[in-house]
Amino acid sequence: MLSHLHDRIADALLRAEEVDRLLSDPDTVRDSQKLASLGREHRHLAAIVTRSKRLDKLELELAESREMANGDDAEFATEAKAEVDRLETEQKNLHDELLPLLIPRDPLDDRPAIVEIKPGTGGDEAALFAADLYRMYTRFIERRGWRVETITHSAGTLHGVKEAVFKVIGDGVFGILRWEAGVHRVQRVPATENAGRIHTSAVSVGVLPEAEEVDVRIDDKDLRIDVFRSSGPGGQSVNTTDSAVRITHLPTGLVVSQQDQKSQLQNKMKGMEVLRSRLLDLRLSEQEAERSRQRKSQVLTGDRSAKIRTYNYPQGRVTDHRVGVTIYDIDRVMDGDLKPFLDALALANAEEALTA
């Protein structure tokens, strides 16, 4: 593993030098698309360069501290051994941070993500937990400095959510949020339960890369588009005209309904955006399922219906079943601190990729 790591670091440092040279090339400056692509790569490589320099410095410090730890002065040796422990911990943390940065990047990772939250089993309690997850992701997105565009938000009873679909825009959004796709299970006493019994409910979260028209070709003959009157709270014209749109993709049976926008045209445009992303996701899911059968992936199963995480309120714990990480601070997690899970998932994926 370490030899793989050092080889990839060396390759990344060479590429960083090449990207620096290309960014200063007049031909690059005149090509805005190429400039933007190289700029994203430069930011990614800069993170590797910074950690690599620190890793080199650490190895020198460790060699010195180990030598002093074997010296004749007992008091000095004790202090040096403590320093060795500290430096070795930092070295391991740096290795863990570097691994995900060194695997080949999926070109979709930098795309915006479309996130879909839908209650599963559990009735009103599932809808309430869907609202909790919506808030959790909103807080996480705020922490990252990303931006949200609401596509659909359908409120349920008791302040729950029947469906929430939104687009997240920012650096590396899909590459980070893709790990949230799957079934999220909650165990708690529902607000509607008088006897104090713990119930188990589930919410499905889908994370799709934003699809561009070149990714997915959709023929008009493959679509059935129905219009109807919007329901629920709305503006001056939303509930009085046939502005809502239902788009059915006949070859796959995928259906997208959109009614949150003010006009039929806006709803159709938003609906087509979601449909393209779902079709791209369907294709990617099939490819990932095949890869998973071949390599027995420990992280991505190719099954978007798999239970990925359990939120146990009575015990105050959240467990991610893919990497076995448990956090005993459910309030912190629900306030948007997903970093421990996402870091562990990225590391597990990188270790698997490096040993494949």
Protein backbone atom coordinates (compact mmCIF):
# COMPACT_ATOMS: atom_id res chain seq x y z
CA MET A 1 0.00 0.00 0.00
CA LEU A 2 2.79 2.46 0.94
CA SER A 3 4.63 1.86 -2.34
CA HIS A 4 1.39 2.53 -4.23
CA LEU A 5 0.95 5.71 -2.18
CA HIS A 6 4.45 7.03 -2.85
CA ASP A 7 4.22 6.24 -6.58
CA ARG A 8 0.92 8.09 -6.87
CA ILE A 9 2.21 11.06 -4.90
CA ALA A 10 5.20 11.29 -7.26
CA ASP A 11 2.88 11.16 -10.30
CA ALA A 12 0.63 13.83 -8.78
CA LEU A 13 3.57 16.16 -8.09
CA LEU A 14 4.75 15.85 -11.69
CA ARG A 15 1.24 16.57 -12.93
CA ALA A 16 1.03 19.60 -10.59
CA GLU A 17 4.17 21.05 -12.20
CA GLU A 18 2.70 20.44 -15.65
CA VAL A 19 -0.62 22.08 -14.73
CA ASP A 20 1.22 25.13 -13.35
CA ARG A 21 3.03 25.44 -16.67
CA LEU A 22 -0.18 25.03 -18.71
CA LEU A 23 -2.03 27.66 -16.64
CA SER A 24 0.59 30.25 -17.60
CA ASP A 25 0.45 29.29 -21.30
CA PRO A 26 -1.17 32.07 -23.43
CA ASP A 27 -3.11 29.42 -25.39
CA THR A 28 -4.75 28.25 -22.16
CA VAL A 29 -5.67 31.79 -21.11
CA ARG A 30 -7.52 32.26 -24.41
CA ASP A 31 -9.53 29.03 -23.92
CA SER A 32 -11.99 29.68 -21.08
CA GLN A 33 -13.22 26.06 -20.92
CA LYS A 34 -9.70 24.65 -20.72
CA LEU A 35 -8.72 27.33 -18.19
CA ALA A 36 -11.65 26.41 -15.93
CA SER A 37 -10.86 22.68 -16.18
CA LEU A 38 -7.19 23.21 -15.36
CA GLY A 39 -8.15 25.54 -12.52
CA ARG A 40 -10.24 22.80 -10.91
CA GLU A 41 -7.41 20.31 -11.35
CA HIS A 42 -4.92 22.78 -9.89
CA ARG A 43 -7.02 23.19 -6.72
CA HIS A 44 -7.23 19.41 -6.37
CA LEU A 45 -3.49 18.91 -6.90
CA ALA A 46 -2.62 21.77 -4.53
CA ALA A 47 -4.19 19.78 -1.69
CA ILE A 48 -1.89 16.85 -2.55
CA VAL A 49 1.21 19.06 -2.81
CA THR A 50 0.55 20.67 0.59
CA ARG A 51 0.09 17.33 2.34
CA SER A 52 3.05 15.78 0.54
CA LYS A 53 5.39 18.53 1.74
CA ARG A 54 4.14 18.08 5.30
CA LEU A 55 4.61 14.30 4.97
CA ASP A 56 8.24 14.78 3.89
CA LYS A 57 8.88 17.07 6.84
CA LEU A 58 7.20 14.60 9.20
CA GLU A 59 9.44 11.76 8.10
CA LEU A 60 12.55 13.85 8.95
CA GLU A 61 11.08 14.85 12.33
CA LEU A 62 10.18 11.23 13.07
CA ALA A 63 13.71 10.03 12.29
CA GLU A 64 15.16 12.62 14.68
CA SER A 65 12.65 11.85 17.44
CA ARG A 66 13.19 8.09 17.17
CA GLU A 67 16.92 8.59 17.47
CA MET A 68 16.48 10.73 20.59
CA ALA A 69 14.00 8.21 22.04
CA ASN A 70 16.80 5.61 21.98
CA GLY A 71 19.25 7.91 23.78
CA ASP A 72 20.81 7.43 27.23
CA ASP A 73 18.99 10.32 28.93
CA ALA A 74 15.84 8.65 30.37
CA GLU A 75 13.86 11.88 30.87
CA PHE A 76 14.75 13.13 27.41
CA ALA A 77 13.93 9.73 25.89
CA THR A 78 10.46 9.74 27.50
CA GLU A 79 9.66 13.13 25.98
CA ALA A 80 10.99 11.97 22.60
CA LYS A 81 8.80 8.83 22.69
CA ALA A 82 5.74 11.00 23.33
CA GLU A 83 6.75 13.12 20.34
CA VAL A 84 7.13 9.98 18.20
CA ASP A 85 3.57 8.94 19.11
CA ARG A 86 2.23 12.38 18.18
CA LEU A 87 4.10 12.47 14.87
CA GLU A 88 3.05 8.92 13.94
CA THR A 89 -0.59 9.84 14.57
CA GLU A 90 -0.25 12.90 12.35
CA GLN A 91 1.49 10.80 9.71
CA LYS A 92 -1.39 8.28 9.66
CA ASN A 93 -3.93 11.09 9.43
CA LEU A 94 -2.06 12.57 6.48
CA HIS A 95 -1.98 9.18 4.74
CA ASP A 96 -5.74 8.86 5.26
CA GLU A 97 -6.30 12.34 3.83
CA LEU A 98 -4.05 11.69 0.83
CA LEU A 99 -5.50 8.35 -0.26
CA PRO A 100 -8.87 9.69 -1.55
CA LEU A 101 -7.03 12.53 -3.32
CA LEU A 102 -4.78 10.12 -5.24
CA ILE A 103 -7.31 7.84 -6.92
CA PRO A 104 -8.44 8.78 -10.46
CA ARG A 105 -11.21 11.35 -10.25
CA ASP A 106 -14.61 10.56 -11.67
CA PRO A 107 -15.40 13.36 -14.15
CA LEU A 108 -18.89 13.51 -12.64
CA ASP A 109 -17.54 14.39 -9.18
CA ASP A 110 -17.40 18.11 -9.97
CA ARG A 111 -20.99 18.18 -11.24
CA PRO A 112 -23.82 19.75 -9.23
CA ALA A 113 -25.98 17.12 -7.50
CA ILE A 114 -29.73 16.65 -7.48
CA VAL A 115 -30.83 15.30 -4.10
CA GLU A 116 -34.21 13.57 -3.65
CA ILE A 117 -35.63 12.84 -0.19
CA LYS A 118 -38.73 10.63 0.04
CA PRO A 119 -40.38 8.99 3.08
CA GLY A 120 -40.52 5.21 3.02
CA THR A 121 -42.09 2.90 5.60
CA GLY A 122 -43.41 4.59 8.70
CA GLY A 123 -46.23 6.92 7.64
CA ASP A 124 -46.22 10.34 9.33
CA GLU A 125 -43.10 9.47 11.32
CA ALA A 126 -41.18 8.78 8.08
CA ALA A 127 -42.33 12.15 6.72
CA LEU A 128 -41.14 13.84 9.93
CA PHE A 129 -37.75 12.17 9.63
CA ALA A 130 -37.60 13.22 5.96
CA ALA A 131 -37.96 16.80 7.21
CA ASP A 132 -35.15 16.18 9.73
CA LEU A 133 -32.88 14.86 6.97
CA TYR A 134 -33.74 17.83 4.78
CA ARG A 135 -32.62 20.15 7.56
CA MET A 136 -29.49 18.04 8.17
CA TYR A 137 -28.44 18.34 4.54
CA THR A 138 -29.28 22.03 4.46
CA ARG A 139 -26.99 22.62 7.43
CA PHE A 140 -24.23 20.47 5.88
CA ILE A 141 -24.49 22.43 2.62
CA GLU A 142 -24.28 25.74 4.52
CA ARG A 143 -21.13 24.51 6.31
CA ARG A 144 -19.52 23.75 2.94
CA GLY A 145 -20.42 27.13 1.46
CA TRP A 146 -22.47 25.52 -1.33
CA ARG A 147 -25.72 26.82 -2.84
CA VAL A 148 -29.17 25.19 -3.00
CA GLU A 149 -31.85 25.54 -5.68
CA THR A 150 -35.23 24.06 -4.71
CA ILE A 151 -36.85 21.97 -7.44
CA THR A 152 -39.76 20.44 -5.50
CA HIS A 153 -40.74 20.69 -1.86
CA SER A 154 -44.01 19.04 -0.86
CA ALA A 155 -45.01 19.47 2.79
CA GLY A 156 -46.77 16.69 4.70
CA THR A 157 -48.77 16.64 7.91
CA LEU A 158 -47.24 17.56 11.29
CA HIS A 159 -44.50 19.60 9.56
CA GLY A 160 -43.24 16.54 7.74
CA VAL A 161 -42.03 16.31 4.13
CA LYS A 162 -43.73 14.18 1.46
CA GLU A 163 -40.98 14.88 -1.06
CA ALA A 164 -38.04 17.25 -1.35
CA VAL A 165 -35.95 17.58 -4.50
CA PHE A 166 -33.18 20.18 -4.71
CA LYS A 167 -30.01 20.93 -6.65
CA VAL A 168 -26.73 21.58 -4.84
CA ILE A 169 -24.10 23.70 -6.56
CA GLY A 170 -20.45 24.03 -5.50
CA ASP A 171 -16.97 22.55 -5.84
CA GLY A 172 -16.94 18.74 -5.94
CA VAL A 173 -20.58 18.47 -4.86
CA PHE A 174 -21.58 15.17 -6.45
CA GLY A 175 -18.29 13.51 -5.51
CA ILE A 176 -19.02 14.21 -1.84
CA LEU A 177 -22.79 13.83 -1.65
CA ARG A 178 -22.94 10.63 -3.71
CA TRP A 179 -22.22 8.64 -0.51
CA GLU A 180 -25.59 9.74 0.95
CA ALA A 181 -27.64 7.76 -1.56
CA GLY A 182 -29.60 4.90 -0.01
CA VAL A 183 -32.06 4.13 2.78
CA HIS A 184 -31.69 6.02 6.07
CA ARG A 185 -33.36 4.26 9.00
CA VAL A 186 -34.54 6.00 12.18
CA GLN A 187 -35.39 4.41 15.54
CA ARG A 188 -37.22 6.66 18.00
CA VAL A 189 -40.50 7.33 19.79
CA PRO A 190 -42.67 9.19 17.27
CA ALA A 191 -44.39 12.43 18.24
CA THR A 192 -47.68 10.67 17.43
CA GLU A 193 -46.99 7.76 19.85
CA ASN A 194 -48.65 8.04 23.25
CA ALA A 195 -47.39 4.76 24.71
CA GLY A 196 -43.71 5.63 24.41
CA ARG A 197 -42.87 2.74 22.10
CA ILE A 198 -39.88 2.97 19.79
CA HIS A 199 -40.75 2.78 16.12
CA THR A 200 -38.51 2.11 13.12
CA SER A 201 -39.09 4.18 9.98
CA ALA A 202 -37.15 4.74 6.79
CA VAL A 203 -36.45 7.51 4.31
CA SER A 204 -34.95 7.07 0.84
CA VAL A 205 -32.30 9.53 -0.32
CA GLY A 206 -31.28 9.71 -3.97
CA VAL A 207 -28.23 11.66 -5.14
CA LEU A 208 -27.96 12.18 -8.89
CA PRO A 209 -25.26 13.95 -10.89
CA GLU A 210 -26.70 16.86 -12.86
CA ALA A 211 -27.01 15.58 -16.42
CA GLU A 212 -26.16 17.70 -19.42
CA GLU A 213 -28.02 17.28 -22.69
CA VAL A 214 -24.96 15.66 -24.25
CA ASP A 215 -25.02 12.95 -21.52
CA VAL A 216 -28.54 11.73 -22.24
CA ARG A 217 -30.42 11.98 -25.52
CA ILE A 218 -34.20 12.10 -25.06
CA ASP A 219 -36.44 11.83 -28.10
CA ASP A 220 -39.75 13.68 -27.96
CA LYS A 221 -41.52 10.52 -29.16
CA ASP A 222 -40.34 8.77 -25.97
CA LEU A 223 -42.15 11.27 -23.74
CA ARG A 224 -45.73 11.64 -22.59
CA ILE A 225 -46.37 15.05 -21.03
CA ASP A 226 -49.53 15.67 -19.02
CA VAL A 227 -50.52 19.00 -17.48
CA PHE A 228 -52.73 19.48 -14.44
CA ARG A 229 -53.60 22.06 -11.81
CA SER A 230 -51.15 22.47 -8.96
CA SER A 231 -52.23 21.49 -5.45
CA GLY A 232 -51.23 22.83 -2.07
CA PRO A 233 -50.06 26.33 -1.17
CA GLY A 234 -49.21 28.49 -4.13
CA GLY A 235 -48.98 31.98 -5.52
CA GLN A 236 -51.49 34.05 -7.42
CA SER A 237 -51.54 31.83 -10.50
CA VAL A 238 -50.07 28.53 -9.34
CA ASN A 239 -53.32 26.92 -8.19
CA THR A 240 -55.63 28.52 -10.77
CA THR A 241 -54.07 27.32 -14.04
CA ASP A 242 -52.89 24.01 -15.46
CA SER A 243 -49.24 24.84 -14.74
CA ALA A 244 -48.16 21.54 -13.17
CA VAL A 245 -46.43 19.03 -15.45
CA ARG A 246 -46.05 15.26 -15.34
CA ILE A 247 -43.42 13.80 -17.69
CA THR A 248 -43.35 10.07 -18.38
CA HIS A 249 -40.34 8.51 -20.11
CA LEU A 250 -42.00 5.65 -21.95
CA PRO A 251 -38.97 3.34 -22.55
CA THR A 252 -38.04 3.23 -18.84
CA GLY A 253 -41.34 4.12 -17.15
CA LEU A 254 -39.66 6.92 -15.16
CA VAL A 255 -42.14 9.60 -14.10
CA VAL A 256 -41.30 13.14 -12.99
CA SER A 257 -43.92 15.55 -11.65
CA GLN A 258 -43.18 19.23 -11.18
CA GLN A 259 -45.50 21.93 -9.87
CA ASP A 260 -43.43 24.32 -7.75
CA GLN A 261 -42.66 26.82 -10.53
CA LYS A 262 -44.99 29.61 -11.64
CA SER A 263 -45.48 28.59 -15.26
CA GLN A 264 -45.99 25.40 -17.21
CA LEU A 265 -42.81 26.09 -19.21
CA GLN A 266 -40.71 26.52 -16.05
CA ASN A 267 -42.14 23.32 -14.58
CA LYS A 268 -41.39 21.45 -17.81
CA MET A 269 -37.79 22.72 -17.83
CA LYS A 270 -37.25 21.69 -14.18
CA GLY A 271 -38.93 18.35 -14.81
CA MET A 272 -36.70 17.63 -17.81
CA GLU A 273 -33.65 18.51 -15.71
CA VAL A 274 -34.63 15.90 -13.11
CA LEU A 275 -35.55 13.34 -15.78
CA ARG A 276 -32.17 13.67 -17.51
CA SER A 277 -30.40 13.20 -14.18
CA ARG A 278 -32.49 10.13 -13.32
CA LEU A 279 -31.76 8.56 -16.70
CA LEU A 280 -28.04 9.22 -16.26
CA ASP A 281 -28.21 7.80 -12.73
CA LEU A 282 -30.01 4.70 -14.02
CA ARG A 283 -27.20 4.10 -16.50
CA LEU A 284 -24.52 4.70 -13.83
CA SER A 285 -26.32 2.40 -11.36
CA GLU A 286 -26.32 -0.44 -13.87
CA GLN A 287 -22.59 0.08 -14.53
CA GLU A 288 -21.82 0.25 -10.80
CA ALA A 289 -23.86 -2.88 -10.09
CA GLU A 290 -21.78 -4.76 -12.66
CA ARG A 291 -18.51 -3.44 -11.18
CA SER A 292 -19.69 -4.40 -7.70
CA ARG A 293 -20.38 -7.97 -8.80
CA GLN A 294 -16.86 -8.14 -10.18
CA ARG A 295 -15.00 -6.65 -7.21
CA LYS A 296 -17.39 -7.22 -4.24
CA SER A 297 -17.23 -3.54 -3.33
CA GLN A 298 -17.28 -2.81 0.41
CA VAL A 299 -18.64 0.72 -0.09
CA LEU A 300 -20.74 1.07 -3.22
CA THR A 301 -23.09 -1.85 -3.66
CA GLY A 302 -24.83 -0.69 -6.83
CA ASP A 303 -28.09 -1.13 -4.91
CA ARG A 304 -29.63 2.27 -4.20
CA SER A 305 -32.23 0.64 -1.95
CA ALA A 306 -29.60 -0.65 0.50
CA LYS A 307 -29.84 0.45 4.15
CA ILE A 308 -26.80 2.66 4.65
CA ARG A 309 -27.27 4.36 8.01
CA THR A 310 -29.28 4.03 11.24
CA TYR A 311 -30.17 6.96 13.51
CA ASN A 312 -31.00 5.64 16.99
CA TYR A 313 -32.40 8.46 19.13
CA PRO A 314 -32.84 6.62 22.47
CA GLN A 315 -29.12 5.70 22.47
CA GLY A 316 -28.04 8.96 20.80
CA ARG A 317 -26.03 7.13 18.16
CA VAL A 318 -25.71 7.14 14.38
CA THR A 319 -24.14 4.15 12.60
CA ASP A 320 -23.01 3.95 8.99
CA HIS A 321 -23.29 0.27 8.06
CA ARG A 322 -20.97 0.45 5.03
CA VAL A 323 -17.85 1.33 7.02
CA GLY A 324 -18.93 0.45 10.56
CA VAL A 325 -18.51 3.99 11.89
CA THR A 326 -20.67 4.91 14.90
CA ILE A 327 -20.97 8.39 16.42
CA TYR A 328 -22.58 8.82 19.85
CA ASP A 329 -23.69 12.40 19.25
CA ILE A 330 -26.86 12.32 17.20
CA ASP A 331 -27.59 16.04 17.71
CA ARG A 332 -24.24 16.94 16.13
CA VAL A 333 -24.94 14.72 13.13
CA MET A 334 -28.47 16.04 12.64
CA ASP A 335 -27.02 19.56 12.73
CA GLY A 336 -25.09 18.74 9.58
CA ASP A 337 -21.77 17.31 10.79
CA LEU A 338 -21.42 14.42 8.32
CA LYS A 339 -17.66 14.72 7.92
CA PRO A 340 -16.65 11.60 9.96
CA PHE A 341 -18.88 9.39 7.80
CA LEU A 342 -17.92 10.97 4.49
CA ASP A 343 -14.19 10.86 5.30
CA ALA A 344 -14.40 7.16 6.27
CA LEU A 345 -16.33 6.30 3.11
CA ALA A 346 -13.90 8.18 0.88
CA LEU A 347 -10.96 6.43 2.57
CA ALA A 348 -12.52 2.97 2.23
CA ASN A 349 -13.23 3.61 -1.44
CA ALA A 350 -9.68 4.83 -2.03
CA GLU A 351 -8.10 1.83 -0.27
CA GLU A 352 -10.20 -0.49 -2.39
CA ALA A 353 -9.28 1.34 -5.59
CA LEU A 354 -5.55 1.26 -4.78
CA THR A 355 -5.56 -2.48 -4.10
CA ALA A 356 -7.84 -3.46 -7.00
